[in-house]
PDB file of N, CA and C in Angstrom:
ATOM      1  N   MET A   1     -13.055 -16.306  -4.901  1.00  0.00           N
ATOM      2  CA  MET A   1     -12.956 -15.048  -5.635  1.00  0.00           C
ATOM      3  C   MET A   1     -12.740 -13.890  -4.667  1.00  0.00           C
ATOM      4  N   PHE A   2     -13.388 -13.957  -3.517  1.00  0.00           N
ATOM      5  CA  PHE A   2     -13.195 -12.907  -2.518  1.00  0.00           C
ATOM      6  C   PHE A   2     -11.742 -12.856  -2.061  1.00  0.00           C
ATOM      7  N   CYS A   3     -11.109 -14.027  -2.006  1.00  0.00           N
ATOM      8  CA  CYS A   3      -9.706 -14.086  -1.574  1.00  0.00           C
ATOM      9  C   CYS A   3      -8.833 -13.308  -2.554  1.00  0.00           C
ATOM     10  N   LEU A   4      -9.106 -13.471  -3.849  1.00  0.00           N
ATOM     11  CA  LEU A   4      -8.310 -12.771  -4.857  1.00  0.00           C
ATOM     12  C   LEU A   4      -8.489 -11.264  -4.715  1.00  0.00           C
ATOM     13  N   LEU A   5      -9.743 -10.843  -4.526  1.00  0.00           N
ATOM     14  CA  LEU A   5     -10.006  -9.415  -4.377  1.00  0.00           C
ATOM     15  C   LEU A   5      -9.343  -8.881  -3.115  1.00  0.00           C
ATOM     16  N   ARG A   6      -9.399  -9.689  -2.046  1.00  0.00           N
ATOM     17  CA  ARG A   6      -8.800  -9.254  -0.786  1.00  0.00           C
ATOM     18  C   ARG A   6      -7.286  -9.124  -0.938  1.00  0.00           C
ATOM     19  N   ASN A   7      -6.664 -10.112  -1.570  1.00  0.00           N
ATOM     20  CA  ASN A   7      -5.211 -10.068  -1.754  1.00  0.00           C
ATOM     21  C   ASN A   7      -4.820  -8.859  -2.598  1.00  0.00           C
ATOM     22  N   ALA A   8      -5.584  -8.582  -3.644  1.00  0.00           N
ATOM     23  CA  ALA A   8      -5.295  -7.438  -4.505  1.00  0.00           C
ATOM     24  C   ALA A   8      -5.431  -6.137  -3.725  1.00  0.00           C
ATOM     25  N   HIS A   9      -6.451  -6.071  -2.860  1.00  0.00           N
ATOM     26  CA  HIS A   9      -6.679  -4.871  -2.059  1.00  0.00           C
ATOM     27  C   HIS A   9      -5.519  -4.658  -1.084  1.00  0.00           C
ATOM     28  N   MET A  10      -5.106  -5.739  -0.428  1.00  0.00           N
ATOM     29  CA  MET A  10      -4.002  -5.645   0.534  1.00  0.00           C
ATOM     30  C   MET A  10      -2.728  -5.204  -0.167  1.00  0.00           C
ATOM     31  N   HIS A  11      -2.476  -5.761  -1.353  1.00  0.00           N
ATOM     32  CA  HIS A  11      -1.273  -5.416  -2.104  1.00  0.00           C
ATOM     33  C   HIS A  11      -1.307  -3.940  -2.502  1.00  0.00           C
ATOM     34  N   ALA A  12      -2.463  -3.475  -2.944  1.00  0.00           N
ATOM     35  CA  ALA A  12      -2.606  -2.079  -3.355  1.00  0.00           C
ATOM     36  C   ALA A  12      -2.400  -1.151  -2.162  1.00  0.00           C
ATOM     37  N   ALA A  13      -2.925  -1.553  -0.998  1.00  0.00           N
ATOM     38  CA  ALA A  13      -2.793  -0.736   0.201  1.00  0.00           C
ATOM     39  C   ALA A  13      -1.324  -0.631   0.606  1.00  0.00           C
ATOM     40  N   GLN A  14      -0.611  -1.756   0.595  1.00  0.00           N
ATOM     41  CA  GLN A  14       0.801  -1.755   0.980  1.00  0.00           C
ATOM     42  C   GLN A  14       1.611  -0.911  -0.005  1.00  0.00           C
ATOM     43  N   ARG A  15       1.267  -1.018  -1.278  1.00  0.00           N
ATOM     44  CA  ARG A  15       1.973  -0.242  -2.301  1.00  0.00           C
ATOM     45  C   ARG A  15       1.745   1.255  -2.080  1.00  0.00           C
ATOM     46  N   ALA A  16       0.502   1.620  -1.768  1.00  0.00           N
ATOM     47  CA  ALA A  16       0.175   3.025  -1.532  1.00  0.00           C
ATOM     48  C   ALA A  16       0.944   3.552  -0.326  1.00  0.00           C
ATOM     49  N   VAL A  17       0.986   2.752   0.751  1.00  0.00           N
ATOM     50  CA  VAL A  17       1.701   3.162   1.960  1.00  0.00           C
ATOM     51  C   VAL A  17       3.179   3.353   1.652  1.00  0.00           C
ATOM     52  N   HIS A  18       3.745   2.455   0.861  1.00  0.00           N
ATOM     53  CA  HIS A  18       5.158   2.555   0.513  1.00  0.00           C
ATOM     54  C   HIS A  18       5.422   3.833  -0.276  1.00  0.00           C
ATOM     55  N   VAL A  19       4.544   4.129  -1.236  1.00  0.00           N
ATOM     56  CA  VAL A  19       4.704   5.336  -2.056  1.00  0.00           C
ATOM     57  C   VAL A  19       4.635   6.584  -1.187  1.00  0.00           C
ATOM     58  N   VAL A  20       3.676   6.580  -0.246  1.00  0.00           N
ATOM     59  CA  VAL A  20       3.522   7.740   0.639  1.00  0.00           C
ATOM     60  C   VAL A  20       4.764   7.917   1.507  1.00  0.00           C
ATOM     61  N   ARG A  21       5.286   6.816   2.039  1.00  0.00           N
ATOM     62  CA  ARG A  21       6.478   6.891   2.887  1.00  0.00           C
ATOM     63  C   ARG A  21       7.679   7.390   2.096  1.00  0.00           C
ATOM     64  N   GLU A  22       7.770   6.978   0.830  1.00  0.00           N
ATOM     65  CA  GLU A  22       8.880   7.411  -0.016  1.00  0.00           C
ATOM     66  C   GLU A  22       8.766   8.908  -0.309  1.00  0.00           C
ATOM     67  N   ALA A  23       7.541   9.395  -0.488  1.00  0.00           N
ATOM     68  CA  ALA A  23       7.325  10.798  -0.836  1.00  0.00           C
ATOM     69  C   ALA A  23       7.352  11.694   0.405  1.00  0.00           C
ATOM     70  N   TRP A  24       7.086  11.099   1.589  1.00  0.00           N
ATOM     71  CA  TRP A  24       7.013  11.879   2.812  1.00  0.00           C
ATOM     72  C   TRP A  24       8.409  12.295   3.280  1.00  0.00           C
ATOM     73  N   PRO A  25       8.544  13.491   3.851  1.00  0.00           N
ATOM     74  CA  PRO A  25       9.829  13.942   4.375  1.00  0.00           C
ATOM     75  C   PRO A  25      10.378  12.952   5.395  1.00  0.00           C
ATOM     76  N   SER A  26      11.646  12.625   5.286  1.00  0.00           N
ATOM     77  CA  SER A  26      12.248  11.620   6.168  1.00  0.00           C
ATOM     78  C   SER A  26      12.306  12.095   7.617  1.00  0.00           C
ATOM     79  N   GLY A  27      12.242  13.411   7.828  1.00  0.00           N
ATOM     80  CA  GLY A  27      12.352  13.946   9.181  1.00  0.00           C
ATOM     81  C   GLY A  27      11.080  13.773   9.994  1.00  0.00           C
ATOM     82  N   VAL A  28       9.952  13.531   9.304  1.00  0.00           N
ATOM     83  CA  VAL A  28       8.674  13.427  10.014  1.00  0.00           C
ATOM     84  C   VAL A  28       8.404  11.980  10.387  1.00  0.00           C
TER      85      VAL A  28
END
């Protein structure tokens, strides 16, 4: 069960990072 929670957490983190990179100015 911990594995499922960990995988979900990792996926959410990667998704958040992707969203931030998409929203962040490309020049920075």
